[in-house]
């Protein structure tokens, strides 16, 4: 079992002058869920190398069991520091793909031709595609075999408008993820703000927020094992 985990390479939070990137726990929890589940996990990003970490996700209030495990995992830290270039990845080499969130993906994933082409290859092959929190932004311009938006008519979730308002970034992000998923024809639903919530529709698995990362990774493993 081999799973591709795709991280953002974007490090600027709009025009605020602040840093962003991937959310640490949304990477570490799925990373260990998948590895402990017996999968080989390959890390990639659009630019390769060390992906940018959202500094807020590395603060004392954001630490979890998985982030603490990662802090002491020399091999995993080395792997993260040298992610493969996304353009070198091929869907046929993997059983599934997982996109962690953080605000970074809102900028470098929606219109990324390499990511779109790769995701469409996973879809054509019938392999599961998973994304959590802001990472469903990577799905908004992906199309199915009929040329329709992938999320059209499918049950999806992602970081909600209410949660974006709560972190006071609704005027900073390039678009509101909940709104864009609905505009693309997605059947969007959500749980309570900050509570774990994930939706499965065929091969598509999406999670609402950081608390949902474990659930999404577990559902991805379930899909691959069934296949």
Protein backbone atom coordinates (compact mmCIF):
# COMPACT_ATOMS: atom_id res chain seq x y z
CA UNK A 1 0.00 0.00 0.00
CA UNK A 2 1.53 3.28 -1.15
CA UNK A 3 -0.06 6.69 -0.55
CA UNK A 4 0.93 10.10 -1.87
CA UNK A 5 0.64 13.01 0.58
CA UNK A 6 0.70 16.42 -1.13
CA UNK A 7 1.70 19.55 0.78
CA UNK A 8 1.48 23.22 -0.19
CA UNK A 9 4.50 25.28 -1.23
CA UNK A 10 2.80 28.64 -0.61
CA UNK A 11 4.02 30.67 2.37
CA UNK A 12 2.38 34.13 2.13
CA UNK A 13 -0.94 34.93 3.78
CA UNK A 14 -2.31 37.17 1.06
CA UNK A 15 -1.14 40.78 1.42
CA UNK A 16 -0.96 40.69 5.21
CA UNK A 17 2.80 40.30 5.36
CA UNK A 18 2.26 37.23 7.54
CA UNK A 19 3.38 33.66 6.88
CA UNK A 20 1.22 30.66 6.12
CA UNK A 21 1.74 27.17 4.73
CA UNK A 22 0.52 23.74 5.78
CA UNK A 23 -1.07 23.10 9.18
CA UNK A 24 1.23 20.87 11.19
CA UNK A 25 -1.35 18.56 12.80
CA UNK A 26 -3.16 18.11 9.49
CA UNK A 27 0.06 16.62 8.20
CA UNK A 28 1.35 14.69 11.23
CA UNK A 29 -1.89 12.94 12.19
CA UNK A 30 -2.65 11.53 8.71
CA UNK A 31 1.04 10.75 8.22
CA UNK A 32 1.07 8.45 11.25
CA UNK A 33 -2.44 7.06 10.72
CA UNK A 34 -1.37 5.96 7.24
CA UNK A 35 2.06 4.68 8.25
CA UNK A 36 0.72 2.83 11.30
CA UNK A 37 -1.91 1.37 8.98
CA UNK A 38 0.83 -0.26 6.94
CA UNK A 39 1.19 2.26 4.12
CA UNK A 40 4.33 3.63 2.58
CA UNK A 41 3.81 7.41 2.56
CA UNK A 42 5.50 9.54 -0.10
CA UNK A 43 5.60 13.31 0.44
CA UNK A 44 5.44 15.78 -2.44
CA UNK A 45 4.85 19.50 -2.98
CA UNK A 46 4.67 21.80 -6.02
CA UNK A 47 8.20 23.14 -5.48
CA UNK A 48 9.70 20.09 -3.73
CA UNK A 49 12.00 20.35 -0.74
CA UNK A 50 10.90 21.73 2.63
CA UNK A 51 7.28 22.92 2.47
CA UNK A 52 6.38 26.04 4.48
CA UNK A 53 4.82 25.47 7.88
CA UNK A 54 2.10 27.79 9.14
CA UNK A 55 3.79 29.20 12.26
CA UNK A 56 0.53 29.29 14.20
CA UNK A 57 0.23 25.53 13.86
CA UNK A 58 3.56 25.04 15.62
CA UNK A 59 2.65 27.00 18.74
CA UNK A 60 2.19 25.42 22.20
CA UNK A 61 -1.62 25.55 21.96
CA UNK A 62 -1.61 23.56 18.73
CA UNK A 63 0.44 20.58 19.88
CA UNK A 64 -1.09 17.11 19.79
CA UNK A 65 0.14 13.56 20.30
CA UNK A 66 1.04 13.32 16.61
CA UNK A 67 2.93 16.64 16.47
CA UNK A 68 4.95 15.64 19.54
CA UNK A 69 5.69 12.27 17.97
CA UNK A 70 6.84 14.01 14.82
CA UNK A 71 9.11 16.38 16.77
CA UNK A 72 11.04 13.35 17.99
CA UNK A 73 10.96 11.44 14.70
CA UNK A 74 14.26 12.20 12.94
CA UNK A 75 13.44 10.12 9.86
CA UNK A 76 10.05 11.78 9.38
CA UNK A 77 11.49 15.27 9.78
CA UNK A 78 14.15 14.46 7.21
CA UNK A 79 11.48 13.18 4.83
CA UNK A 80 9.45 16.38 5.23
CA UNK A 81 12.53 18.52 4.56
CA UNK A 82 13.01 16.85 1.19
CA UNK A 83 9.56 16.41 -0.34
CA UNK A 84 9.53 15.24 -3.93
CA UNK A 85 8.50 17.55 -6.72
CA UNK A 86 4.82 17.12 -7.53
CA UNK A 87 5.53 17.11 -11.27
CA UNK A 88 7.45 13.84 -10.86
CA UNK A 89 4.52 12.00 -9.27
CA UNK A 90 2.30 9.58 -11.21
CA UNK A 91 -1.09 8.30 -10.09
CA UNK A 92 -0.30 4.77 -11.30
CA UNK A 93 2.43 4.52 -8.65
CA UNK A 94 0.01 5.02 -5.74
CA UNK A 95 -3.12 3.52 -4.20
CA UNK A 96 -4.50 6.87 -3.05
CA UNK A 97 -3.70 10.52 -2.38
CA UNK A 98 -4.15 12.82 0.62
CA UNK A 99 -3.97 16.63 0.67
CA UNK A 100 -3.47 18.22 4.14
CA UNK A 101 -4.73 21.75 4.72
CA UNK A 102 -3.50 24.98 6.18
CA UNK A 103 -4.24 28.19 4.33
CA UNK A 104 -1.40 27.68 1.83
CA UNK A 105 -3.36 25.38 -0.51
CA UNK A 106 -5.93 28.14 -1.05
CA UNK A 107 -3.34 29.92 -3.19
CA UNK A 108 -1.18 27.30 -4.91
CA UNK A 109 -3.57 24.40 -5.50
CA UNK A 110 -6.86 25.52 -7.16
CA UNK A 111 -5.30 26.53 -10.49
CA UNK A 112 -2.19 24.36 -10.31
CA UNK A 113 -2.12 22.42 -13.61
CA UNK A 114 0.23 19.75 -12.23
CA UNK A 115 -2.03 19.07 -9.26
CA UNK A 116 -5.19 19.14 -11.37
CA UNK A 117 -3.76 16.70 -13.92
CA UNK A 118 -2.57 14.37 -11.18
CA UNK A 119 -5.90 14.40 -9.35
CA UNK A 120 -7.79 13.77 -12.58
CA UNK A 121 -5.54 10.75 -13.17
CA UNK A 122 -6.39 9.38 -9.72
CA UNK A 123 -10.09 9.92 -10.46
CA UNK A 124 -9.91 8.15 -13.84
CA UNK A 125 -8.13 5.23 -12.19
CA UNK A 126 -10.87 4.94 -9.58
CA UNK A 127 -8.43 5.55 -6.74
CA UNK A 128 -9.46 7.44 -3.58
CA UNK A 129 -8.77 11.15 -3.28
CA UNK A 130 -8.77 12.72 0.20
CA UNK A 131 -8.43 16.33 1.38
CA UNK A 132 -8.99 18.07 4.71
CA UNK A 133 -9.78 21.60 5.91
CA UNK A 134 -8.59 24.10 3.24
CA UNK A 135 -7.09 21.41 1.02
CA UNK A 136 -10.39 20.69 -0.80
CA UNK A 137 -9.43 23.92 -2.60
CA UNK A 138 -7.28 21.59 -4.72
CA UNK A 139 -10.48 19.96 -5.99
CA UNK A 140 -12.44 23.00 -7.17
CA UNK A 141 -11.12 22.97 -10.76
CA UNK A 142 -10.66 19.22 -11.13
CA UNK A 143 -12.99 17.63 -13.66
CA UNK A 144 -14.36 14.13 -14.11
CA UNK A 145 -14.35 11.98 -17.25
CA UNK A 146 -17.45 13.79 -18.52
CA UNK A 147 -15.82 17.19 -18.24
CA UNK A 148 -17.94 18.22 -15.26
CA UNK A 149 -16.43 19.58 -12.08
CA UNK A 150 -15.46 16.63 -9.90
CA UNK A 151 -17.45 17.91 -6.92
CA UNK A 152 -20.62 18.50 -8.95
CA UNK A 153 -23.42 16.45 -7.45
CA UNK A 154 -21.08 14.96 -4.84
CA UNK A 155 -21.23 15.25 -1.08
CA UNK A 156 -18.30 17.36 0.10
CA UNK A 157 -17.10 19.40 3.04
CA UNK A 158 -14.22 21.73 3.84
CA UNK A 159 -13.35 24.70 6.04
CA UNK A 160 -16.66 26.47 6.62
CA UNK A 161 -17.52 30.13 6.20
CA UNK A 162 -18.17 30.34 9.93
CA UNK A 163 -14.76 28.94 10.76
CA UNK A 164 -13.07 31.33 8.30
CA UNK A 165 -14.92 34.22 9.91
CA UNK A 166 -13.82 33.00 13.34
CA UNK A 167 -10.12 33.11 12.39
CA UNK A 168 -10.73 36.54 10.83
CA UNK A 169 -9.35 35.63 7.41
CA UNK A 170 -12.50 35.86 5.29
CA UNK A 171 -11.21 39.10 3.76
CA UNK A 172 -7.73 37.64 3.19
CA UNK A 173 -8.32 34.30 1.45
CA UNK A 174 -8.72 34.42 -2.35
CA UNK A 175 -12.19 32.86 -2.02
CA UNK A 176 -14.40 31.25 0.60
CA UNK A 177 -13.99 27.51 0.26
CA UNK A 178 -17.51 26.61 1.31
CA UNK A 179 -18.93 29.03 -1.26
CA UNK A 180 -16.67 27.81 -4.06
CA UNK A 181 -17.51 24.15 -3.45
CA UNK A 182 -21.21 25.04 -3.65
CA UNK A 183 -20.63 27.12 -6.82
CA UNK A 184 -19.00 24.10 -8.44
CA UNK A 185 -22.12 22.06 -7.74
CA UNK A 186 -20.88 20.29 -4.64
CA UNK A 187 -23.44 19.13 -2.09
CA UNK A 188 -21.72 20.87 0.81
CA UNK A 189 -22.44 19.94 4.41
CA UNK A 190 -20.71 20.66 7.70
CA UNK A 191 -20.68 19.71 11.33
CA UNK A 192 -20.28 22.02 14.29
CA UNK A 193 -17.43 24.51 14.02
CA UNK A 194 -14.11 22.88 14.97
CA UNK A 195 -15.68 19.42 15.49
CA UNK A 196 -14.49 16.38 13.54
CA UNK A 197 -16.58 15.94 10.39
CA UNK A 198 -15.81 14.00 7.22
CA UNK A 199 -17.83 13.07 4.15
CA UNK A 200 -17.34 10.16 1.77
CA UNK A 201 -18.89 10.14 -1.70
CA UNK A 202 -17.52 7.32 -3.81
CA UNK A 203 -13.77 7.76 -4.12
CA UNK A 204 -13.89 11.34 -2.79
CA UNK A 205 -13.17 11.89 0.91
CA UNK A 206 -13.23 15.38 2.45
CA UNK A 207 -12.89 16.72 5.99
CA UNK A 208 -14.05 20.03 7.42
CA UNK A 209 -11.26 21.26 9.69
CA UNK A 210 -8.09 20.28 11.60
CA UNK A 211 -10.07 18.07 13.98
CA UNK A 212 -11.15 16.00 10.98
CA UNK A 213 -7.69 14.97 9.79
CA UNK A 214 -7.61 11.62 11.59
CA UNK A 215 -11.09 10.72 10.41
CA UNK A 216 -10.24 11.50 6.78
CA UNK A 217 -7.03 9.46 6.92
CA UNK A 218 -8.87 6.50 8.46
CA UNK A 219 -11.53 6.64 5.74
CA UNK A 220 -8.81 6.78 3.09
CA UNK A 221 -7.27 3.60 4.49
CA UNK A 222 -10.69 1.94 4.52
CA UNK A 223 -11.23 2.81 0.85
CA UNK A 224 -7.86 1.41 -0.19
CA UNK A 225 -8.32 -1.79 1.78
CA UNK A 226 -11.73 -2.35 0.19
CA UNK A 227 -10.21 -1.91 -3.24
